N, C-alpha and C. Protein backbone atom coordinates (compact mmCIF):
# COMPACT_ATOMS: atom_id res chain seq x y z
N MET A 1 -49.85 -13.21 7.01
CA MET A 1 -48.69 -13.87 7.19
C MET A 1 -47.48 -13.17 7.56
N GLY A 2 -47.61 -12.02 7.13
CA GLY A 2 -46.10 -11.55 7.70
C GLY A 2 -46.04 -10.90 8.68
N ALA A 3 -46.68 -10.99 9.32
CA ALA A 3 -46.24 -10.38 11.21
C ALA A 3 -46.08 -11.47 11.65
N ALA A 4 -47.11 -12.70 11.41
CA ALA A 4 -46.52 -14.06 11.97
C ALA A 4 -45.13 -14.63 11.87
N VAL A 5 -44.78 -14.33 10.60
CA VAL A 5 -43.35 -14.38 10.05
C VAL A 5 -42.30 -13.71 11.38
N ALA A 6 -42.91 -12.46 11.11
CA ALA A 6 -41.58 -11.54 11.92
C ALA A 6 -41.52 -11.78 13.39
N ALA A 7 -43.15 -12.27 13.80
CA ALA A 7 -42.81 -12.82 15.13
C ALA A 7 -42.22 -13.86 15.34
N ALA A 8 -42.01 -14.87 14.68
CA ALA A 8 -41.77 -16.36 15.12
C ALA A 8 -39.99 -16.00 15.14
N ARG A 9 -39.68 -15.17 13.70
CA ARG A 9 -38.37 -14.87 13.51
C ARG A 9 -37.58 -14.53 15.23
N SER A 10 -38.72 -13.59 15.92
CA SER A 10 -37.97 -12.74 16.93
C SER A 10 -37.99 -13.88 18.32
N ARG A 11 -38.96 -14.78 18.05
CA ARG A 11 -38.67 -15.71 19.36
C ARG A 11 -37.99 -16.57 19.04
N SER A 12 -37.20 -16.96 17.38
CA SER A 12 -36.33 -17.63 17.60
C SER A 12 -34.92 -16.79 18.21
N ALA A 13 -35.13 -15.52 17.05
CA ALA A 13 -33.96 -14.68 17.42
C ALA A 13 -33.48 -14.27 19.46
N PHE A 14 -34.50 -14.56 19.68
CA PHE A 14 -34.65 -13.95 21.33
C PHE A 14 -34.07 -15.64 22.14
N CYS A 15 -33.95 -16.69 21.37
CA CYS A 15 -33.47 -17.57 22.27
C CYS A 15 -32.74 -18.00 21.98
N SER A 16 -31.71 -17.60 20.73
CA SER A 16 -30.51 -17.60 20.69
C SER A 16 -29.45 -16.78 21.42
N VAL A 17 -29.68 -15.64 21.59
CA VAL A 17 -29.43 -14.38 22.02
C VAL A 17 -29.09 -14.59 23.43
N ALA A 18 -27.65 -14.40 23.66
CA ALA A 18 -27.59 -14.07 25.25
C ALA A 18 -27.83 -13.60 25.79
N SER A 19 -28.30 -13.47 27.04
CA SER A 19 -29.78 -12.67 28.00
C SER A 19 -27.95 -11.42 28.18
N PRO A 20 -28.85 -10.39 28.52
CA PRO A 20 -28.08 -9.20 28.79
C PRO A 20 -27.88 -9.33 30.41
N TRP A 21 -28.32 -10.15 31.01
CA TRP A 21 -28.05 -9.90 32.77
C TRP A 21 -26.85 -10.40 32.93
N HIS A 22 -26.59 -11.46 31.72
CA HIS A 22 -25.06 -12.32 32.04
C HIS A 22 -24.18 -11.21 32.62
N SER A 23 -23.61 -12.13 33.88
CA SER A 23 -22.70 -11.08 34.36
C SER A 23 -22.05 -12.23 35.43
N LYS A 24 -20.31 -11.99 36.01
CA LYS A 24 -19.78 -12.86 36.56
C LYS A 24 -20.18 -12.36 37.92
N THR A 25 -20.69 -11.07 38.40
CA THR A 25 -20.56 -10.78 39.89
C THR A 25 -22.29 -11.73 39.70
N ILE A 26 -22.98 -11.93 38.96
CA ILE A 26 -24.51 -12.18 39.30
C ILE A 26 -24.08 -13.73 39.64
N GLY A 27 -23.77 -14.60 38.85
CA GLY A 27 -23.36 -15.86 39.27
C GLY A 27 -24.20 -16.78 37.84
N ASN A 28 -23.92 -18.14 37.78
CA ASN A 28 -24.66 -19.04 36.66
C ASN A 28 -25.35 -19.20 36.93
N GLU A 29 -25.99 -19.55 38.74
CA GLU A 29 -27.20 -19.87 38.58
C GLU A 29 -28.61 -18.65 38.68
N LYS A 30 -28.03 -17.87 38.88
CA LYS A 30 -29.16 -16.43 38.44
C LYS A 30 -29.01 -16.03 37.29
N THR A 31 -28.37 -16.45 36.53
CA THR A 31 -28.21 -15.88 35.13
C THR A 31 -29.21 -17.06 34.29
N GLN A 32 -29.18 -18.44 35.01
CA GLN A 32 -30.02 -19.40 34.30
C GLN A 32 -31.58 -18.80 34.67
N GLU A 33 -31.67 -18.72 35.95
CA GLU A 33 -33.35 -18.61 36.60
C GLU A 33 -33.60 -17.03 35.80
N ILE A 34 -33.02 -15.94 35.60
CA ILE A 34 -33.44 -15.19 34.60
C ILE A 34 -33.56 -15.29 33.06
N GLN A 35 -32.84 -15.94 32.91
CA GLN A 35 -32.72 -16.74 31.28
C GLN A 35 -34.60 -17.72 31.37
N ALA A 36 -34.96 -18.06 32.59
CA ALA A 36 -35.63 -18.85 32.36
C ALA A 36 -36.82 -18.29 32.31
N LEU A 37 -37.04 -16.83 33.34
CA LEU A 37 -37.99 -16.15 33.18
C LEU A 37 -38.44 -15.34 32.16
N GLU A 38 -36.92 -14.42 31.50
CA GLU A 38 -37.32 -14.28 30.28
C GLU A 38 -37.89 -15.24 29.21
N ARG A 39 -37.52 -16.69 29.36
CA ARG A 39 -38.02 -17.43 28.25
C ARG A 39 -39.52 -17.59 28.46
N ASP A 40 -39.92 -17.77 29.81
CA ASP A 40 -41.42 -17.40 30.35
C ASP A 40 -42.23 -16.26 29.88
N ILE A 41 -41.84 -15.23 29.88
CA ILE A 41 -42.41 -13.82 29.52
C ILE A 41 -42.45 -14.01 27.78
N ALA A 42 -41.33 -14.63 27.19
CA ALA A 42 -41.19 -14.86 25.69
C ALA A 42 -42.56 -15.78 25.58
N ALA A 43 -42.87 -16.64 25.99
CA ALA A 43 -43.62 -17.64 25.72
C ALA A 43 -45.28 -16.75 25.96
N TYR A 44 -45.38 -16.40 26.81
CA TYR A 44 -46.61 -15.52 27.31
C TYR A 44 -46.84 -14.31 26.04
N LEU A 45 -45.64 -14.01 25.47
CA LEU A 45 -46.33 -12.64 24.72
C LEU A 45 -46.34 -13.79 22.98
N ALA A 46 -45.80 -14.87 23.14
CA ALA A 46 -46.34 -15.19 21.63
C ALA A 46 -47.71 -15.85 21.68
N LYS A 47 -48.26 -15.61 22.59
CA LYS A 47 -49.73 -15.99 22.71
C LYS A 47 -50.41 -14.70 22.21
N THR A 48 -49.67 -13.70 21.84
CA THR A 48 -50.47 -12.57 21.98
C THR A 48 -50.63 -11.35 21.04
N PRO A 49 -50.77 -10.63 20.82
CA PRO A 49 -50.38 -9.67 19.64
C PRO A 49 -49.26 -8.91 20.28
N TYR A 50 -49.13 -8.43 21.65
CA TYR A 50 -47.78 -8.00 21.91
C TYR A 50 -46.00 -8.33 21.58
N ILE A 51 -46.84 -9.79 20.95
CA ILE A 51 -45.40 -10.18 20.19
C ILE A 51 -44.56 -9.27 19.28
N LEU A 52 -45.65 -8.68 18.78
CA LEU A 52 -45.19 -7.54 17.21
C LEU A 52 -44.50 -6.66 18.10
N LEU A 53 -44.52 -6.38 18.98
CA LEU A 53 -43.35 -5.62 19.76
C LEU A 53 -42.01 -5.52 20.03
N LEU A 54 -41.97 -6.76 19.72
CA LEU A 54 -40.21 -7.49 19.90
C LEU A 54 -39.99 -7.25 18.39
N SER A 55 -40.01 -7.16 17.43
CA SER A 55 -40.02 -6.41 15.71
C SER A 55 -39.39 -4.95 15.98
N PHE A 56 -39.65 -3.81 17.22
CA PHE A 56 -39.10 -2.93 17.61
C PHE A 56 -37.37 -2.60 17.44
N PRO A 57 -36.65 -1.86 17.12
CA PRO A 57 -35.89 -2.23 17.81
C PRO A 57 -35.61 -1.50 19.13
N GLY A 58 -35.09 -2.01 19.88
CA GLY A 58 -34.99 -1.92 21.26
C GLY A 58 -35.56 -1.80 22.35
N VAL A 59 -36.14 -2.68 21.86
CA VAL A 59 -37.70 -3.70 22.63
C VAL A 59 -37.50 -4.95 23.00
N ASN A 60 -36.65 -4.97 24.39
CA ASN A 60 -36.60 -6.20 24.76
C ASN A 60 -37.68 -7.33 24.93
N VAL A 61 -37.53 -8.54 25.63
CA VAL A 61 -38.83 -9.13 26.05
C VAL A 61 -39.34 -8.51 27.26
N VAL A 62 -38.59 -7.90 27.99
CA VAL A 62 -38.88 -7.75 29.66
C VAL A 62 -39.94 -6.56 29.32
N SER A 63 -39.08 -5.43 28.19
CA SER A 63 -40.14 -4.43 28.14
C SER A 63 -41.42 -4.62 27.56
N ALA A 64 -41.23 -5.67 26.50
CA ALA A 64 -42.47 -5.79 25.61
C ALA A 64 -43.91 -6.41 26.75
N GLY A 65 -43.23 -7.23 27.76
CA GLY A 65 -43.98 -7.89 28.59
C GLY A 65 -44.41 -7.32 29.54
N ASP A 66 -43.41 -5.93 30.18
CA ASP A 66 -44.19 -5.13 31.11
C ASP A 66 -45.31 -3.93 30.54
N PHE A 67 -45.11 -3.55 29.07
CA PHE A 67 -45.95 -2.83 28.58
C PHE A 67 -46.97 -4.11 28.56
N ALA A 68 -47.13 -4.91 28.37
CA ALA A 68 -48.61 -5.71 28.02
C ALA A 68 -49.25 -6.37 29.26
N GLY A 69 -48.88 -6.15 30.10
CA GLY A 69 -48.87 -6.55 31.53
C GLY A 69 -50.19 -5.31 31.92
N GLU A 70 -48.91 -4.32 32.07
CA GLU A 70 -49.80 -3.16 32.21
C GLU A 70 -50.78 -2.86 31.25
N MET A 71 -50.86 -2.59 29.69
CA MET A 71 -52.19 -2.42 29.26
C MET A 71 -53.30 -3.35 29.15
N GLY A 72 -52.83 -5.03 29.14
CA GLY A 72 -54.15 -5.61 29.58
C GLY A 72 -54.56 -6.12 28.17
N PRO A 73 -55.43 -6.63 28.03
CA PRO A 73 -56.12 -7.42 26.37
C PRO A 73 -55.73 -5.71 25.73
N ILE A 74 -55.48 -6.42 23.72
CA ILE A 74 -55.16 -5.34 23.48
C ILE A 74 -56.74 -5.17 22.83
N GLU A 75 -57.62 -6.15 22.82
CA GLU A 75 -58.55 -5.95 22.27
C GLU A 75 -59.70 -4.83 22.74
N ASN A 76 -59.65 -4.59 24.04
CA ASN A 76 -60.09 -3.48 25.06
C ASN A 76 -59.54 -1.85 24.25
N TYR A 77 -59.07 -2.10 23.24
CA TYR A 77 -58.33 -0.39 22.80
C TYR A 77 -58.25 -0.39 21.08
N LEU A 78 -59.88 0.47 21.16
CA LEU A 78 -60.04 0.18 19.74
C LEU A 78 -59.13 1.20 18.66
N THR A 79 -58.72 2.35 19.24
CA THR A 79 -57.74 3.15 18.47
C THR A 79 -56.38 3.54 18.97
N ALA A 80 -55.54 3.93 19.05
CA ALA A 80 -54.15 3.98 18.72
C ALA A 80 -54.38 5.80 19.98
N LYS A 81 -55.65 5.96 19.85
CA LYS A 81 -55.22 7.18 20.59
C LYS A 81 -56.15 7.05 22.08
N SER A 82 -56.82 5.52 22.07
CA SER A 82 -57.50 5.07 23.55
C SER A 82 -56.21 4.88 24.23
N ILE A 83 -55.45 4.17 23.07
CA ILE A 83 -53.85 3.27 24.23
C ILE A 83 -53.30 4.69 24.74
N THR A 84 -52.94 5.53 23.71
CA THR A 84 -52.16 6.78 24.30
C THR A 84 -52.81 7.18 25.76
N GLY A 85 -54.40 7.51 25.72
CA GLY A 85 -55.16 8.13 26.82
C GLY A 85 -55.06 7.12 27.68
N ARG A 86 -54.91 5.84 27.78
CA ARG A 86 -54.60 5.00 29.18
C ARG A 86 -53.03 5.12 29.52
N ALA A 87 -52.33 5.16 28.40
CA ALA A 87 -50.59 5.32 29.14
C ALA A 87 -50.51 6.79 29.95
N GLY A 88 -51.77 7.83 29.86
CA GLY A 88 -51.58 8.92 30.01
C GLY A 88 -50.68 10.05 29.04
N LEU A 89 -50.79 10.14 27.80
CA LEU A 89 -50.29 10.16 27.04
C LEU A 89 -50.91 11.63 26.13
N PHE A 90 -51.11 12.46 25.86
CA PHE A 90 -51.57 13.20 25.19
C PHE A 90 -50.91 14.43 24.01
N PRO A 91 -50.50 13.63 23.23
CA PRO A 91 -50.10 14.36 21.79
C PRO A 91 -50.00 15.60 21.69
N SER A 92 -49.50 16.57 21.70
CA SER A 92 -49.75 18.05 20.96
C SER A 92 -48.97 18.68 21.11
N ARG A 93 -49.31 19.92 20.35
CA ARG A 93 -48.13 21.02 20.11
C ARG A 93 -48.68 22.47 20.54
N TYR A 94 -47.89 23.02 21.69
CA TYR A 94 -48.33 24.52 21.59
C TYR A 94 -47.18 25.11 21.64
N GLN A 95 -47.86 26.07 20.44
CA GLN A 95 -47.11 27.30 19.60
C GLN A 95 -47.91 28.66 19.86
N SER A 96 -47.09 29.72 19.77
CA SER A 96 -48.12 30.84 19.12
C SER A 96 -48.64 31.39 18.17
N ASP A 97 -48.47 30.73 17.23
CA ASP A 97 -48.92 31.14 15.64
C ASP A 97 -48.83 30.01 14.90
N GLN A 98 -50.07 30.05 13.45
CA GLN A 98 -50.45 28.71 13.00
C GLN A 98 -49.19 28.32 12.28
N VAL A 99 -48.79 27.02 12.08
CA VAL A 99 -47.85 26.34 10.87
C VAL A 99 -48.44 26.45 9.67
């Protein structure tokens, strides 16, 4: 239940915050188009477990959507190790002696 509440708060916070892309040089029409696309991404994320990524500081709708699109259905990954393997990451430590 706590994760669902956090996700709902993230969605409502997203809708009330101005887009970081807002700039006078882009123009109002482009800003509105970008905000509409970000709302679409947020709507798709809300239907997946990836919505929880928005609870991390520094993760916005665009980066969470990019990650979700790259990874595919989260159900395909049984462990965190399989996710890091898919991402091409292999956390390890190299040193000359025991710790």
